[in-house]
Amino acid sequence: MDENLEFVDFKFEEITYRTTLTKKFAGRTNYTPPDSRKVFAFIPGTILKVFVKDGNKVKKGDKLLVLQAMKMDNQLLASRNGTVKKVYVKQGEVVPKRYLLIELK
């Protein structure tokens, strides 16, 4: 057995295991839950229509914008009640995947 191995306690489903971690696993980015105040492009596409402006009040389920991707029009809806803090896109703009489109407060 390699004497340079560093053992760690790894808890999974209420059981603690004593093990080693690969470099890839040890250097991974930790999971952070998504922020419901931010609306990101889930796929690259073109903004066809923006329904809200900065300062507008929205309710859960209200239309925010239409993102056309792969010849499909995707309506992005508000996931929560709030006020539009900032709209980062305009009609006709092409956006990459994970681009911040709208921020709520």
C-alpha atoms as a PDB file:
ATOM      1  CA  MET A   1       0.000   0.000   0.000  1.00  0.00           C
ATOM      2  CA  ASP A   2       1.222   3.510  -0.847  1.00  0.00           C
ATOM      3  CA  GLU A   3       2.323   5.299   2.336  1.00  0.00           C
ATOM      4  CA  ASN A   4       1.703   8.746   0.788  1.00  0.00           C
ATOM      5  CA  LEU A   5      -2.064   8.255   0.627  1.00  0.00           C
ATOM      6  CA  GLU A   6      -4.149  10.648   2.674  1.00  0.00           C
ATOM      7  CA  PHE A   7      -7.313   9.128   4.108  1.00  0.00           C
ATOM      8  CA  VAL A   8     -10.464  11.152   4.678  1.00  0.00           C
ATOM      9  CA  ASP A   9     -13.825  10.430   6.244  1.00  0.00           C
ATOM     10  CA  PHE A  10     -16.545  10.462   3.592  1.00  0.00           C
ATOM     11  CA  LYS A  11     -20.175  10.426   4.753  1.00  0.00           C
ATOM     12  CA  PHE A  12     -22.823   9.032   2.408  1.00  0.00           C
ATOM     13  CA  GLU A  13     -26.389   8.125   3.397  1.00  0.00           C
ATOM     14  CA  GLU A  14     -25.697   8.105   7.135  1.00  0.00           C
ATOM     15  CA  ILE A  15     -22.625   5.854   6.770  1.00  0.00           C
ATOM     16  CA  THR A  16     -19.081   7.177   7.183  1.00  0.00           C
ATOM     17  CA  TYR A  17     -16.383   5.601   5.021  1.00  0.00           C
ATOM     18  CA  ARG A  18     -12.615   5.986   5.472  1.00  0.00           C
ATOM     19  CA  THR A  19     -11.165   6.329   1.981  1.00  0.00           C
ATOM     20  CA  THR A  20      -8.862   8.260  -0.325  1.00  0.00           C
ATOM     21  CA  LEU A  21     -10.002  10.796  -2.905  1.00  0.00           C
ATOM     22  CA  THR A  22      -8.796  11.186  -6.470  1.00  0.00           C
ATOM     23  CA  LYS A  23      -7.219  14.515  -7.404  1.00  0.00           C
ATOM     24  CA  LYS A  24     -10.153  15.225  -9.720  1.00  0.00           C
ATOM     25  CA  PHE A  25     -12.712  14.634  -6.957  1.00  0.00           C
ATOM     26  CA  ALA A  26     -10.753  16.591  -4.341  1.00  0.00           C
ATOM     27  CA  GLY A  27     -10.403  19.582  -6.717  1.00  0.00           C
ATOM     28  CA  ARG A  28     -14.034  19.662  -7.844  1.00  0.00           C
ATOM     29  CA  THR A  29     -16.263  22.702  -7.505  1.00  0.00           C
ATOM     30  CA  ASN A  30     -18.746  22.254  -4.691  1.00  0.00           C
ATOM     31  CA  TYR A  31     -22.440  22.243  -5.565  1.00  0.00           C
ATOM     32  CA  THR A  32     -24.317  25.463  -4.960  1.00  0.00           C
ATOM     33  CA  PRO A  33     -28.092  25.490  -5.272  1.00  0.00           C
ATOM     34  CA  PRO A  34     -29.479  27.672  -8.070  1.00  0.00           C
ATOM     35  CA  ASP A  35     -30.473  31.239  -7.173  1.00  0.00           C
ATOM     36  CA  SER A  36     -34.188  31.658  -7.940  1.00  0.00           C
ATOM     37  CA  ARG A  37     -33.632  35.409  -8.375  1.00  0.00           C
ATOM     38  CA  LYS A  38     -31.525  34.896 -11.504  1.00  0.00           C
ATOM     39  CA  VAL A  39     -32.802  33.656 -14.873  1.00  0.00           C
ATOM     40  CA  PHE A  40     -30.138  32.090 -17.103  1.00  0.00           C
ATOM     41  CA  ALA A  41     -30.249  30.807 -20.683  1.00  0.00           C
ATOM     42  CA  PHE A  42     -30.471  27.019 -20.419  1.00  0.00           C
ATOM     43  CA  ILE A  43     -29.444  26.659 -24.082  1.00  0.00           C
ATOM     44  CA  PRO A  44     -27.813  29.024 -26.622  1.00  0.00           C
ATOM     45  CA  GLY A  45     -30.363  30.960 -28.644  1.00  0.00           C
ATOM     46  CA  THR A  46     -31.912  34.237 -29.765  1.00  0.00           C
ATOM     47  CA  ILE A  47     -34.109  36.503 -27.653  1.00  0.00           C
ATOM     48  CA  LEU A  48     -37.363  36.900 -29.599  1.00  0.00           C
ATOM     49  CA  LYS A  49     -39.370  38.980 -27.143  1.00  0.00           C
ATOM     50  CA  VAL A  50     -38.847  40.546 -23.725  1.00  0.00           C
ATOM     51  CA  PHE A  51     -42.053  41.060 -21.733  1.00  0.00           C
ATOM     52  CA  VAL A  52     -40.639  42.896 -18.682  1.00  0.00           C
ATOM     53  CA  LYS A  53     -38.581  46.004 -17.920  1.00  0.00           C
ATOM     54  CA  ASP A  54     -36.446  47.038 -14.959  1.00  0.00           C
ATOM     55  CA  GLY A  55     -38.682  47.761 -11.969  1.00  0.00           C
ATOM     56  CA  ASN A  56     -41.694  45.688 -13.132  1.00  0.00           C
ATOM     57  CA  LYS A  57     -43.399  43.555 -10.500  1.00  0.00           C
ATOM     58  CA  VAL A  58     -43.857  39.913 -11.505  1.00  0.00           C
ATOM     59  CA  LYS A  59     -45.713  36.966 -10.021  1.00  0.00           C
ATOM     60  CA  LYS A  60     -44.672  33.336 -10.151  1.00  0.00           C
ATOM     61  CA  GLY A  61     -45.551  32.018 -13.618  1.00  0.00           C
ATOM     62  CA  ASP A  62     -45.528  35.401 -15.420  1.00  0.00           C
ATOM     63  CA  LYS A  63     -43.839  35.465 -18.853  1.00  0.00           C
ATOM     64  CA  LEU A  64     -40.418  37.101 -18.751  1.00  0.00           C
ATOM     65  CA  LEU A  65     -39.112  36.494 -22.272  1.00  0.00           C
ATOM     66  CA  VAL A  66     -39.065  34.136 -25.246  1.00  0.00           C
ATOM     67  CA  LEU A  67     -35.793  32.396 -26.110  1.00  0.00           C
ATOM     68  CA  GLN A  68     -35.673  30.740 -29.531  1.00  0.00           C
ATOM     69  CA  ALA A  69     -33.324  27.775 -29.669  1.00  0.00           C
ATOM     70  CA  MET A  70     -33.158  24.921 -32.180  1.00  0.00           C
ATOM     71  CA  LYS A  71     -36.215  26.318 -34.015  1.00  0.00           C
ATOM     72  CA  MET A  72     -38.317  26.181 -30.831  1.00  0.00           C
ATOM     73  CA  ASP A  73     -39.731  29.173 -28.958  1.00  0.00           C
ATOM     74  CA  ASN A  74     -39.155  28.715 -25.217  1.00  0.00           C
ATOM     75  CA  GLN A  75     -41.133  30.929 -22.854  1.00  0.00           C
ATOM     76  CA  LEU A  76     -39.156  31.632 -19.704  1.00  0.00           C
ATOM     77  CA  LEU A  77     -41.416  32.228 -16.721  1.00  0.00           C
ATOM     78  CA  ALA A  78     -40.830  33.807 -13.320  1.00  0.00           C
ATOM     79  CA  SER A  79     -40.039  31.097 -10.760  1.00  0.00           C
ATOM     80  CA  ARG A  80     -41.059  33.374  -7.879  1.00  0.00           C
ATOM     81  CA  ASN A  81     -42.805  36.636  -7.032  1.00  0.00           C
ATOM     82  CA  GLY A  82     -40.604  39.708  -7.122  1.00  0.00           C
ATOM     83  CA  THR A  83     -39.503  42.872  -8.845  1.00  0.00           C
ATOM     84  CA  VAL A  84     -37.284  42.931 -11.928  1.00  0.00           C
ATOM     85  CA  LYS A  85     -33.932  44.290 -10.779  1.00  0.00           C
ATOM     86  CA  LYS A  86     -32.250  44.238 -14.195  1.00  0.00           C
ATOM     87  CA  VAL A  87     -32.922  42.956 -17.725  1.00  0.00           C
ATOM     88  CA  TYR A  88     -29.577  42.066 -19.322  1.00  0.00           C
ATOM     89  CA  VAL A  89     -30.818  41.308 -22.852  1.00  0.00           C
ATOM     90  CA  LYS A  90     -32.838  42.907 -25.630  1.00  0.00           C
ATOM     91  CA  GLN A  91     -34.894  41.580 -28.513  1.00  0.00           C
ATOM     92  CA  GLY A  92     -32.798  40.044 -31.289  1.00  0.00           C
ATOM     93  CA  GLU A  93     -29.750  39.414 -29.109  1.00  0.00           C
ATOM     94  CA  VAL A  94     -27.976  36.061 -29.448  1.00  0.00           C
ATOM     95  CA  VAL A  95     -26.965  34.584 -26.082  1.00  0.00           C
ATOM     96  CA  PRO A  96     -24.765  31.623 -25.091  1.00  0.00           C
ATOM     97  CA  LYS A  97     -25.728  28.894 -22.636  1.00  0.00           C
ATOM     98  CA  ARG A  98     -25.712  30.003 -18.939  1.00  0.00           C
ATOM     99  CA  TYR A  99     -25.936  33.703 -19.888  1.00  0.00           C
ATOM    100  CA  LEU A 100     -27.663  35.833 -17.213  1.00  0.00           C
ATOM    101  CA  LEU A 101     -30.859  37.132 -18.830  1.00  0.00           C
ATOM    102  CA  ILE A 102     -32.890  38.693 -16.004  1.00  0.00           C
ATOM    103  CA  GLU A 103     -32.345  39.307 -12.310  1.00  0.00           C
ATOM    104  CA  LEU A 104     -35.151  39.675  -9.761  1.00  0.00           C
ATOM    105  CA  LYS A 105     -35.043  41.200  -6.308  1.00  0.00           C
END
